[in-house]
PDB file of N, CA and C in Angstrom:
ATOM      1  N   MET A   1      36.769 -82.278  -8.852  1.00  0.00           N
ATOM      2  CA  MET A   1      37.063 -83.689  -8.846  1.00  0.00           C
ATOM      3  C   MET A   1      36.435 -84.317  -7.611  1.00  0.00           C
ATOM      4  N   LYS A   2      35.773 -85.431  -7.815  1.00  0.00           N
ATOM      5  CA  LYS A   2      35.112 -86.134  -6.713  1.00  0.00           C
ATOM      6  C   LYS A   2      36.149 -86.894  -5.893  1.00  0.00           C
ATOM      7  N   PRO A   3      36.170 -86.745  -4.559  1.00  0.00           N
ATOM      8  CA  PRO A   3      37.141 -87.474  -3.746  1.00  0.00           C
ATOM      9  C   PRO A   3      36.867 -88.972  -3.774  1.00  0.00           C
ATOM     10  N   VAL A   4      37.929 -89.725  -3.731  1.00  0.00           N
ATOM     11  CA  VAL A   4      37.828 -91.180  -3.730  1.00  0.00           C
ATOM     12  C   VAL A   4      37.869 -91.660  -2.285  1.00  0.00           C
ATOM     13  N   ARG A   5      36.927 -92.509  -1.919  1.00  0.00           N
ATOM     14  CA  ARG A   5      36.893 -93.067  -0.571  1.00  0.00           C
ATOM     15  C   ARG A   5      37.465 -94.476  -0.604  1.00  0.00           C
ATOM     16  N   ILE A   6      38.217 -94.822   0.418  1.00  0.00           N
ATOM     17  CA  ILE A   6      38.776 -96.158   0.545  1.00  0.00           C
ATOM     18  C   ILE A   6      37.730 -97.058   1.177  1.00  0.00           C
ATOM     19  N   ASP A   7      37.741 -98.323   0.801  1.00  0.00           N
ATOM     20  CA  ASP A   7      36.790 -99.296   1.328  1.00  0.00           C
ATOM     21  C   ASP A   7      36.787 -99.256   2.853  1.00  0.00           C
ATOM     22  N   ALA A   8      35.638 -99.037   3.435  1.00  0.00           N
ATOM     23  CA  ALA A   8      35.520 -98.891   4.890  1.00  0.00           C
ATOM     24  C   ALA A   8      35.763-100.207   5.627  1.00  0.00           C
ATOM     25  N   ASP A   9      35.645-101.341   4.946  1.00  0.00           N
ATOM     26  CA  ASP A   9      35.846-102.630   5.600  1.00  0.00           C
ATOM     27  C   ASP A   9      37.325-102.969   5.776  1.00  0.00           C
ATOM     28  N   LYS A  10      38.189-102.355   4.992  1.00  0.00           N
ATOM     29  CA  LYS A  10      39.616-102.621   5.099  1.00  0.00           C
ATOM     30  C   LYS A  10      40.231-101.668   6.115  1.00  0.00           C
ATOM     31  N   THR A  11      41.269-102.136   6.781  1.00  0.00           N
ATOM     32  CA  THR A  11      41.963-101.278   7.731  1.00  0.00           C
ATOM     33  C   THR A  11      43.334-100.931   7.171  1.00  0.00           C
ATOM     34  N   PHE A  12      43.627 -99.664   7.116  1.00  0.00           N
ATOM     35  CA  PHE A  12      44.901 -99.146   6.651  1.00  0.00           C
ATOM     36  C   PHE A  12      45.490 -98.281   7.750  1.00  0.00           C
ATOM     37  N   PRO A  13      46.812 -98.217   7.819  1.00  0.00           N
ATOM     38  CA  PRO A  13      47.412 -97.358   8.840  1.00  0.00           C
ATOM     39  C   PRO A  13      47.130 -95.891   8.531  1.00  0.00           C
ATOM     40  N   PRO A  14      47.066 -95.055   9.550  1.00  0.00           N
ATOM     41  CA  PRO A  14      46.837 -93.630   9.285  1.00  0.00           C
ATOM     42  C   PRO A  14      48.026 -93.032   8.544  1.00  0.00           C
ATOM     43  N   ARG A  15      47.776 -91.943   7.835  1.00  0.00           N
ATOM     44  CA  ARG A  15      48.850 -91.252   7.135  1.00  0.00           C
ATOM     45  C   ARG A  15      49.086 -89.911   7.802  1.00  0.00           C
ATOM     46  N   GLU A  16      50.275 -89.382   7.596  1.00  0.00           N
ATOM     47  CA  GLU A  16      50.639 -88.119   8.230  1.00  0.00           C
ATOM     48  C   GLU A  16      50.331 -86.960   7.294  1.00  0.00           C
ATOM     49  N   CYS A  17      49.682 -85.953   7.827  1.00  0.00           N
ATOM     50  CA  CYS A  17      49.368 -84.756   7.055  1.00  0.00           C
ATOM     51  C   CYS A  17      50.645 -83.938   6.862  1.00  0.00           C
ATOM     52  N   PRO A  18      50.996 -83.582   5.617  1.00  0.00           N
ATOM     53  CA  PRO A  18      52.190 -82.767   5.404  1.00  0.00           C
ATOM     54  C   PRO A  18      52.006 -81.323   5.859  1.00  0.00           C
ATOM     55  N   GLY A  19      50.769 -80.915   6.079  1.00  0.00           N
ATOM     56  CA  GLY A  19      50.509 -79.537   6.496  1.00  0.00           C
ATOM     57  C   GLY A  19      50.705 -79.303   7.990  1.00  0.00           C
ATOM     58  N   CYS A  20      50.292 -80.279   8.811  1.00  0.00           N
ATOM     59  CA  CYS A  20      50.358 -80.065  10.259  1.00  0.00           C
ATOM     60  C   CYS A  20      50.940 -81.250  11.024  1.00  0.00           C
ATOM     61  N   ALA A  21      51.345 -82.310  10.332  1.00  0.00           N
ATOM     62  CA  ALA A  21      51.944 -83.510  10.920  1.00  0.00           C
ATOM     63  C   ALA A  21      50.970 -84.295  11.809  1.00  0.00           C
ATOM     64  N   MET A  22      49.692 -84.075  11.644  1.00  0.00           N
ATOM     65  CA  MET A  22      48.674 -84.816  12.387  1.00  0.00           C
ATOM     66  C   MET A  22      48.415 -86.146  11.690  1.00  0.00           C
ATOM     67  N   GLU A  23      48.154 -87.211  12.449  1.00  0.00           N
ATOM     68  CA  GLU A  23      47.786 -88.483  11.847  1.00  0.00           C
ATOM     69  C   GLU A  23      46.334 -88.417  11.400  1.00  0.00           C
ATOM     70  N   VAL A  24      46.112 -88.744  10.130  1.00  0.00           N
ATOM     71  CA  VAL A  24      44.781 -88.685   9.537  1.00  0.00           C
ATOM     72  C   VAL A  24      44.391 -90.102   9.127  1.00  0.00           C
ATOM     73  N   PRO A  25      43.161 -90.544   9.455  1.00  0.00           N
ATOM     74  CA  PRO A  25      42.744 -91.877   9.028  1.00  0.00           C
ATOM     75  C   PRO A  25      42.882 -92.033   7.509  1.00  0.00           C
ATOM     76  N   ALA A  26      43.232 -93.231   7.065  1.00  0.00           N
ATOM     77  CA  ALA A  26      43.512 -93.471   5.650  1.00  0.00           C
ATOM     78  C   ALA A  26      42.303 -93.234   4.749  1.00  0.00           C
ATOM     79  N   ASN A  27      41.100 -93.358   5.276  1.00  0.00           N
ATOM     80  CA  ASN A  27      39.929 -93.157   4.422  1.00  0.00           C
ATOM     81  C   ASN A  27      39.456 -91.709   4.367  1.00  0.00           C
ATOM     82  N   ASN A  28      40.169 -90.796   5.015  1.00  0.00           N
ATOM     83  CA  ASN A  28      39.844 -89.372   4.920  1.00  0.00           C
ATOM     84  C   ASN A  28      40.723 -88.728   3.856  1.00  0.00           C
ATOM     85  N   ASN A  29      40.117 -87.905   3.016  1.00  0.00           N
ATOM     86  CA  ASN A  29      40.863 -87.208   1.973  1.00  0.00           C
ATOM     87  C   ASN A  29      41.231 -85.790   2.381  1.00  0.00           C
ATOM     88  N   ARG A  30      40.795 -85.375   3.555  1.00  0.00           N
ATOM     89  CA  ARG A  30      41.072 -84.022   4.047  1.00  0.00           C
ATOM     90  C   ARG A  30      41.461 -84.096   5.512  1.00  0.00           C
ATOM     91  N   CYS A  31      42.482 -83.321   5.877  1.00  0.00           N
ATOM     92  CA  CYS A  31      42.910 -83.271   7.272  1.00  0.00           C
ATOM     93  C   CYS A  31      41.867 -82.503   8.084  1.00  0.00           C
ATOM     94  N   PRO A  32      41.388 -83.080   9.193  1.00  0.00           N
ATOM     95  CA  PRO A  32      40.376 -82.380   9.992  1.00  0.00           C
ATOM     96  C   PRO A  32      40.945 -81.187  10.765  1.00  0.00           C
ATOM     97  N   ILE A  33      42.262 -81.107  10.907  1.00  0.00           N
ATOM     98  CA  ILE A  33      42.876 -80.019  11.669  1.00  0.00           C
ATOM     99  C   ILE A  33      43.150 -78.808  10.793  1.00  0.00           C
ATOM    100  N   CYS A  34      43.943 -79.019   9.711  1.00  0.00           N
ATOM    101  CA  CYS A  34      44.357 -77.865   8.895  1.00  0.00           C
ATOM    102  C   CYS A  34      43.625 -77.777   7.552  1.00  0.00           C
ATOM    103  N   GLY A  35      42.875 -78.816   7.180  1.00  0.00           N
ATOM    104  CA  GLY A  35      42.114 -78.775   5.935  1.00  0.00           C
ATOM    105  C   GLY A  35      42.908 -79.170   4.699  1.00  0.00           C
ATOM    106  N   TYR A  36      44.105 -79.730   4.869  1.00  0.00           N
ATOM    107  CA  TYR A  36      44.913 -80.147   3.716  1.00  0.00           C
ATOM    108  C   TYR A  36      44.168 -81.215   2.924  1.00  0.00           C
ATOM    109  N   ASP A  37      44.073 -81.031   1.600  1.00  0.00           N
ATOM    110  CA  ASP A  37      43.445 -82.016   0.719  1.00  0.00           C
ATOM    111  C   ASP A  37      44.509 -82.957   0.179  1.00  0.00           C
ATOM    112  N   PHE A  38      44.372 -84.243   0.500  1.00  0.00           N
ATOM    113  CA  PHE A  38      45.301 -85.234  -0.025  1.00  0.00           C
ATOM    114  C   PHE A  38      45.001 -85.437  -1.506  1.00  0.00           C
ATOM    115  N   PRO A  39      46.031 -85.434  -2.343  1.00  0.00           N
ATOM    116  CA  PRO A  39      45.798 -85.584  -3.785  1.00  0.00           C
ATOM    117  C   PRO A  39      45.392 -87.016  -4.141  1.00  0.00           C
ATOM    118  N   ASN A  40      44.515 -87.126  -5.118  1.00  0.00           N
ATOM    119  CA  ASN A  40      44.109 -88.422  -5.646  1.00  0.00           C
ATOM    120  C   ASN A  40      44.896 -88.659  -6.926  1.00  0.00           C
ATOM    121  N   PRO A  41      45.557 -89.816  -7.067  1.00  0.00           N
ATOM    122  CA  PRO A  41      46.297 -90.067  -8.295  1.00  0.00           C
ATOM    123  C   PRO A  41      45.345 -90.190  -9.481  1.00  0.00           C
ATOM    124  N   SER A  42      45.714 -89.561 -10.571  1.00  0.00           N
ATOM    125  CA  SER A  42      44.884 -89.632 -11.775  1.00  0.00           C
ATOM    126  C   SER A  42      45.126 -90.975 -12.465  1.00  0.00           C
ATOM    127  N   PRO A  43      44.234 -91.386 -13.355  1.00  0.00           N
ATOM    128  CA  PRO A  43      44.459 -92.641 -14.085  1.00  0.00           C
ATOM    129  C   PRO A  43      45.775 -92.618 -14.865  1.00  0.00           C
ATOM    130  N   ARG A  44      46.155 -91.459 -15.369  1.00  0.00           N
ATOM    131  CA  ARG A  44      47.409 -91.359 -16.111  1.00  0.00           C
ATOM    132  C   ARG A  44      48.603 -91.654 -15.194  1.00  0.00           C
ATOM    133  N   GLN A  45      48.573 -91.146 -13.963  1.00  0.00           N
ATOM    134  CA  GLN A  45      49.658 -91.404 -13.027  1.00  0.00           C
ATOM    135  C   GLN A  45      49.745 -92.895 -12.695  1.00  0.00           C
ATOM    136  N   LYS A  46      48.605 -93.554 -12.561  1.00  0.00           N
ATOM    137  CA  LYS A  46      48.595 -94.984 -12.272  1.00  0.00           C
ATOM    138  C   LYS A  46      49.212 -95.765 -13.429  1.00  0.00           C
ATOM    139  N   HIS A  47      48.866 -95.386 -14.679  1.00  0.00           N
ATOM    140  CA  HIS A  47      49.418 -96.060 -15.847  1.00  0.00           C
ATOM    141  C   HIS A  47      50.916 -95.804 -15.971  1.00  0.00           C
ATOM    142  N   MET A  48      51.357 -94.598 -15.636  1.00  0.00           N
ATOM    143  CA  MET A  48      52.776 -94.286 -15.736  1.00  0.00           C
ATOM    144  C   MET A  48      53.580 -95.125 -14.741  1.00  0.00           C
ATOM    145  N   LYS A  49      53.055 -95.354 -13.546  1.00  0.00           N
ATOM    146  CA  LYS A  49      53.741 -96.208 -12.577  1.00  0.00           C
ATOM    147  C   LYS A  49      53.869 -97.631 -13.121  1.00  0.00           C
ATOM    148  N   PHE A  50      52.794 -98.134 -13.702  1.00  0.00           N
ATOM    149  CA  PHE A  50      52.800 -99.485 -14.254  1.00  0.00           C
ATOM    150  C   PHE A  50      53.830 -99.609 -15.370  1.00  0.00           C
ATOM    151  N   TRP A  51      53.784 -98.702 -16.349  1.00  0.00           N
ATOM    152  CA  TRP A  51      54.708 -98.785 -17.483  1.00  0.00           C
ATOM    153  C   TRP A  51      56.144 -98.508 -17.059  1.00  0.00           C
ATOM    154  N   GLY A  52      56.342 -97.686 -16.062  1.00  0.00           N
ATOM    155  CA  GLY A  52      57.686 -97.466 -15.531  1.00  0.00           C
ATOM    156  C   GLY A  52      58.250 -98.747 -14.940  1.00  0.00           C
ATOM    157  N   ALA A  53      57.411 -99.483 -14.216  1.00  0.00           N
ATOM    158  CA  ALA A  53      57.844-100.752 -13.635  1.00  0.00           C
ATOM    159  C   ALA A  53      58.149-101.772 -14.736  1.00  0.00           C
ATOM    160  N   VAL A  54      57.330-101.806 -15.783  1.00  0.00           N
ATOM    161  CA  VAL A  54      57.563-102.735 -16.893  1.00  0.00           C
ATOM    162  C   VAL A  54      58.884-102.414 -17.580  1.00  0.00           C
ATOM    163  N   ILE A  55      59.153-101.145 -17.841  1.00  0.00           N
ATOM    164  CA  ILE A  55      60.401-100.746 -18.493  1.00  0.00           C
ATOM    165  C   ILE A  55      61.603-101.101 -17.624  1.00  0.00           C
ATOM    166  N   MET A  56      61.501-100.856 -16.318  1.00  0.00           N
ATOM    167  CA  MET A  56      62.603-101.204 -15.421  1.00  0.00           C
ATOM    168  C   MET A  56      62.845-102.713 -15.416  1.00  0.00           C
ATOM    169  N   LEU A  57      61.800-103.512 -15.447  1.00  0.00           N
ATOM    170  CA  LEU A  57      61.933-104.963 -15.480  1.00  0.00           C
ATOM    171  C   LEU A  57      62.616-105.415 -16.768  1.00  0.00           C
ATOM    172  N   VAL A  58      62.215-104.851 -17.895  1.00  0.00           N
ATOM    173  CA  VAL A  58      62.831-105.201 -19.180  1.00  0.00           C
ATOM    174  C   VAL A  58      64.308-104.823 -19.177  1.00  0.00           C
ATOM    175  N   LEU A  59      64.631-103.639 -18.683  1.00  0.00           N
ATOM    176  CA  LEU A  59      66.033-103.220 -18.614  1.00  0.00           C
ATOM    177  C   LEU A  59      66.837-104.142 -17.693  1.00  0.00           C
ATOM    178  N   PHE A  60      66.272-104.523 -16.579  1.00  0.00           N
ATOM    179  CA  PHE A  60      66.940-105.432 -15.652  1.00  0.00           C
ATOM    180  C   PHE A  60      67.232-106.772 -16.325  1.00  0.00           C
ATOM    181  N   ILE A  61      66.230-107.311 -17.018  1.00  0.00           N
ATOM    182  CA  ILE A  61      66.418-108.589 -17.707  1.00  0.00           C
ATOM    183  C   ILE A  61      67.487-108.449 -18.785  1.00  0.00           C
ATOM    184  N   PHE A  62      67.466-107.361 -19.528  1.00  0.00           N
ATOM    185  CA  PHE A  62      68.464-107.134 -20.576  1.00  0.00           C
ATOM    186  C   PHE A  62      69.867-107.088 -19.979  1.00  0.00           C
ATOM    187  N   VAL A  63      70.054-106.375 -18.881  1.00  0.00           N
ATOM    188  CA  VAL A  63      71.361-106.278 -18.236  1.00  0.00           C
ATOM    189  C   VAL A  63      71.803-107.648 -17.727  1.00  0.00           C
ATOM    190  N   MET A  64      70.896-108.399 -17.129  1.00  0.00           N
ATOM    191  CA  MET A  64      71.238-109.720 -16.616  1.00  0.00           C
ATOM    192  C   MET A  64      71.646-110.670 -17.743  1.00  0.00           C
ATOM    193  N   LEU A  65      70.980-110.592 -18.882  1.00  0.00           N
ATOM    194  CA  LEU A  65      71.316-111.440 -20.004  1.00  0.00           C
ATOM    195  C   LEU A  65      72.676-111.069 -20.598  1.00  0.00           C
ATOM    196  N   ARG A  66      73.008-109.796 -20.573  1.00  0.00           N
ATOM    197  CA  ARG A  66      74.295-109.340 -21.102  1.00  0.00           C
ATOM    198  C   ARG A  66      75.451-109.774 -20.197  1.00  0.00           C
ATOM    199  N   LEU A  67      75.175-109.971 -18.912  1.00  0.00           N
ATOM    200  CA  LEU A  67      76.222-110.382 -17.990  1.00  0.00           C
ATOM    201  C   LEU A  67      76.564-111.864 -18.144  1.00  0.00           C
ATOM    202  N   PHE A  68      75.622-112.665 -18.590  1.00  0.00           N
ATOM    203  CA  PHE A  68      75.846-114.117 -18.676  1.00  0.00           C
ATOM    204  C   PHE A  68      76.014-114.568 -20.089  1.00  0.00           C
TER     205      PHE A  68
END
């Protein structure tokens, strides 16, 4: 799988490596200290987050309508 690079013009806070607790720049996909590879979300995972949010919104609206 080809690593995804974040736009170099944007600034993001560094993230913490779960392998060694070192701060790694947000545009790096690998920790320079321990070599941990940060996972890239697959398109399916992105769609599941979206549809999960839609379902939660529909359920929230349904509950609110039942209360009034």
